[in-house]
C-alpha atoms as a PDB file:
ATOM      1  CA  UNK A   1      63.745  22.099  42.100  1.00  0.00           C
ATOM      2  CA  UNK A   2      65.196  19.042  40.469  1.00  0.00           C
ATOM      3  CA  UNK A   3      69.041  19.109  40.285  1.00  0.00           C
ATOM      4  CA  UNK A   4      68.890  18.432  36.533  1.00  0.00           C
ATOM      5  CA  UNK A   5      66.732  21.530  36.097  1.00  0.00           C
ATOM      6  CA  UNK A   6      69.141  23.603  38.194  1.00  0.00           C
ATOM      7  CA  UNK A   7      72.051  22.415  36.062  1.00  0.00           C
ATOM      8  CA  UNK A   8      70.050  23.253  32.933  1.00  0.00           C
ATOM      9  CA  UNK A   9      69.465  26.834  34.133  1.00  0.00           C
ATOM     10  CA  UNK A  10      73.127  27.198  35.044  1.00  0.00           C
ATOM     11  CA  UNK A  11      74.224  25.888  31.654  1.00  0.00           C
ATOM     12  CA  UNK A  12      71.916  28.327  29.825  1.00  0.00           C
ATOM     13  CA  UNK A  13      73.183  31.223  31.964  1.00  0.00           C
ATOM     14  CA  UNK A  14      76.755  30.240  31.142  1.00  0.00           C
ATOM     15  CA  UNK A  15      75.947  29.946  27.427  1.00  0.00           C
ATOM     16  CA  UNK A  16      74.424  33.446  27.307  1.00  0.00           C
ATOM     17  CA  UNK A  17      77.237  34.953  29.375  1.00  0.00           C
ATOM     18  CA  UNK A  18      79.847  33.436  27.079  1.00  0.00           C
ATOM     19  CA  UNK A  19      77.994  34.669  23.987  1.00  0.00           C
ATOM     20  CA  UNK A  20      77.996  38.213  25.408  1.00  0.00           C
ATOM     21  CA  UNK A  21      81.728  37.981  26.142  1.00  0.00           C
ATOM     22  CA  UNK A  22      82.475  36.604  22.672  1.00  0.00           C
ATOM     23  CA  UNK A  23      80.318  39.202  20.915  1.00  0.00           C
ATOM     24  CA  UNK A  24      81.963  42.076  22.726  1.00  0.00           C
ATOM     25  CA  UNK A  25      85.441  40.611  22.097  1.00  0.00           C
ATOM     26  CA  UNK A  26      84.802  40.329  18.362  1.00  0.00           C
ATOM     27  CA  UNK A  27      83.862  43.996  18.081  1.00  0.00           C
ATOM     28  CA  UNK A  28      86.020  45.602  20.749  1.00  0.00           C
ATOM     29  CA  UNK A  29      84.916  49.059  21.841  1.00  0.00           C
ATOM     30  CA  UNK A  30      82.873  49.456  18.658  1.00  0.00           C
ATOM     31  CA  UNK A  31      80.176  47.126  20.032  1.00  0.00           C
ATOM     32  CA  UNK A  32      78.338  50.077  21.619  1.00  0.00           C
ATOM     33  CA  UNK A  33      78.387  52.163  18.422  1.00  0.00           C
ATOM     34  CA  UNK A  34      75.786  49.975  16.756  1.00  0.00           C
ATOM     35  CA  UNK A  35      72.402  50.040  18.510  1.00  0.00           C
ATOM     36  CA  UNK A  36      71.458  46.557  17.289  1.00  0.00           C
ATOM     37  CA  UNK A  37      74.699  45.036  18.566  1.00  0.00           C
ATOM     38  CA  UNK A  38      74.404  46.895  21.849  1.00  0.00           C
ATOM     39  CA  UNK A  39      70.825  45.661  22.252  1.00  0.00           C
ATOM     40  CA  UNK A  40      71.893  42.097  21.457  1.00  0.00           C
ATOM     41  CA  UNK A  41      74.752  42.001  23.934  1.00  0.00           C
ATOM     42  CA  UNK A  42      72.619  43.687  26.585  1.00  0.00           C
ATOM     43  CA  UNK A  43      69.902  41.088  25.974  1.00  0.00           C
ATOM     44  CA  UNK A  44      72.419  38.245  26.405  1.00  0.00           C
ATOM     45  CA  UNK A  45      73.424  39.740  29.779  1.00  0.00           C
ATOM     46  CA  UNK A  46      69.753  40.065  30.721  1.00  0.00           C
ATOM     47  CA  UNK A  47      68.946  36.471  29.762  1.00  0.00           C
ATOM     48  CA  UNK A  48      71.956  35.128  31.672  1.00  0.00           C
ATOM     49  CA  UNK A  49      70.703  36.995  34.740  1.00  0.00           C
ATOM     50  CA  UNK A  50      67.183  35.665  34.176  1.00  0.00           C
ATOM     51  CA  UNK A  51      68.430  32.068  34.155  1.00  0.00           C
ATOM     52  CA  UNK A  52      70.452  32.714  37.316  1.00  0.00           C
ATOM     53  CA  UNK A  53      67.320  34.130  38.926  1.00  0.00           C
ATOM     54  CA  UNK A  54      65.642  30.738  38.466  1.00  0.00           C
ATOM     55  CA  UNK A  55      68.133  29.091  40.816  1.00  0.00           C
ATOM     56  CA  UNK A  56      66.342  28.211  44.084  1.00  0.00           C
ATOM     57  CA  UNK A  57      67.084  30.388  47.113  1.00  0.00           C
ATOM     58  CA  UNK A  58      68.514  27.448  49.069  1.00  0.00           C
ATOM     59  CA  UNK A  59      71.109  26.924  46.319  1.00  0.00           C
ATOM     60  CA  UNK A  60      71.811  30.661  46.138  1.00  0.00           C
ATOM     61  CA  UNK A  61      72.440  30.706  49.894  1.00  0.00           C
ATOM     62  CA  UNK A  62      75.185  28.101  49.461  1.00  0.00           C
ATOM     63  CA  UNK A  63      76.994  30.384  46.981  1.00  0.00           C
ATOM     64  CA  UNK A  64      77.151  33.814  48.647  1.00  0.00           C
ATOM     65  CA  UNK A  65      79.972  35.111  46.429  1.00  0.00           C
ATOM     66  CA  UNK A  66      77.677  35.072  43.406  1.00  0.00           C
ATOM     67  CA  UNK A  67      76.233  38.560  42.890  1.00  0.00           C
ATOM     68  CA  UNK A  68      72.611  37.378  42.917  1.00  0.00           C
ATOM     69  CA  UNK A  69      71.065  40.762  43.760  1.00  0.00           C
ATOM     70  CA  UNK A  70      73.232  42.657  41.280  1.00  0.00           C
ATOM     71  CA  UNK A  71      72.190  40.262  38.514  1.00  0.00           C
ATOM     72  CA  UNK A  72      68.522  40.656  39.384  1.00  0.00           C
ATOM     73  CA  UNK A  73      68.887  44.440  39.376  1.00  0.00           C
ATOM     74  CA  UNK A  74      70.652  44.389  35.986  1.00  0.00           C
ATOM     75  CA  UNK A  75      67.965  42.145  34.558  1.00  0.00           C
ATOM     76  CA  UNK A  76      65.210  44.435  35.826  1.00  0.00           C
ATOM     77  CA  UNK A  77      66.959  47.514  34.488  1.00  0.00           C
ATOM     78  CA  UNK A  78      67.552  46.054  31.033  1.00  0.00           C
ATOM     79  CA  UNK A  79      64.039  44.672  30.667  1.00  0.00           C
ATOM     80  CA  UNK A  80      61.980  47.427  32.305  1.00  0.00           C
ATOM     81  CA  UNK A  81      64.100  50.568  32.159  1.00  0.00           C
ATOM     82  CA  UNK A  82      66.077  49.948  28.978  1.00  0.00           C
ATOM     83  CA  UNK A  83      66.239  53.695  28.280  1.00  0.00           C
ATOM     84  CA  UNK A  84      68.545  53.997  31.301  1.00  0.00           C
ATOM     85  CA  UNK A  85      71.103  51.411  30.102  1.00  0.00           C
ATOM     86  CA  UNK A  86      74.633  52.759  30.314  1.00  0.00           C
ATOM     87  CA  UNK A  87      76.950  51.108  27.756  1.00  0.00           C
ATOM     88  CA  UNK A  88      79.902  51.474  30.144  1.00  0.00           C
ATOM     89  CA  UNK A  89      78.094  49.492  32.832  1.00  0.00           C
ATOM     90  CA  UNK A  90      77.150  46.777  30.336  1.00  0.00           C
ATOM     91  CA  UNK A  91      80.731  46.671  29.071  1.00  0.00           C
ATOM     92  CA  UNK A  92      82.106  46.374  32.607  1.00  0.00           C
ATOM     93  CA  UNK A  93      79.607  43.606  33.275  1.00  0.00           C
ATOM     94  CA  UNK A  94      80.727  41.731  30.169  1.00  0.00           C
ATOM     95  CA  UNK A  95      84.465  42.225  30.713  1.00  0.00           C
ATOM     96  CA  UNK A  96      84.682  41.855  34.502  1.00  0.00           C
ATOM     97  CA  UNK A  97      81.567  40.248  35.956  1.00  0.00           C
ATOM     98  CA  UNK A  98      80.613  37.623  33.376  1.00  0.00           C
ATOM     99  CA  UNK A  99      83.979  35.814  33.318  1.00  0.00           C
ATOM    100  CA  UNK A 100      83.768  35.568  37.102  1.00  0.00           C
ATOM    101  CA  UNK A 101      80.165  34.368  36.840  1.00  0.00           C
ATOM    102  CA  UNK A 102      81.196  31.624  34.426  1.00  0.00           C
ATOM    103  CA  UNK A 103      83.823  30.452  36.916  1.00  0.00           C
ATOM    104  CA  UNK A 104      81.207  30.467  39.681  1.00  0.00           C
ATOM    105  CA  UNK A 105      78.743  28.540  37.511  1.00  0.00           C
ATOM    106  CA  UNK A 106      81.394  25.925  36.785  1.00  0.00           C
ATOM    107  CA  UNK A 107      81.982  25.570  40.524  1.00  0.00           C
ATOM    108  CA  UNK A 108      78.249  25.239  41.197  1.00  0.00           C
ATOM    109  CA  UNK A 109      77.882  22.613  38.479  1.00  0.00           C
ATOM    110  CA  UNK A 110      80.464  20.429  40.225  1.00  0.00           C
ATOM    111  CA  UNK A 111      78.532  20.339  43.519  1.00  0.00           C
ATOM    112  CA  UNK A 112      74.898  20.120  42.393  1.00  0.00           C
ATOM    113  CA  UNK A 113      73.832  16.489  42.348  1.00  0.00           C
END
């Protein structure tokens, strides 16, 4: 895959991850009380994972600290088994995992030429 395309996917993943973080921060714990808001934030997490899943395996192999499999599993769960979504898991993803993912994306963007 062309490096510009890889950077594009990484930038879109970062954009969706940041939107999920910002949306949850605006609403605090109340985000999960509204089904539309919960669906929106969950979808942002799913789309971020989808963009990360487009990163070629050879690039993924160079960044083993990124939770590639966990992201793929979350994406599959939210898109195919949405009735099993646990708001606490989504919240932990948004609060803990996505900020770390953004840092990892920034690191990847500096080395992909």
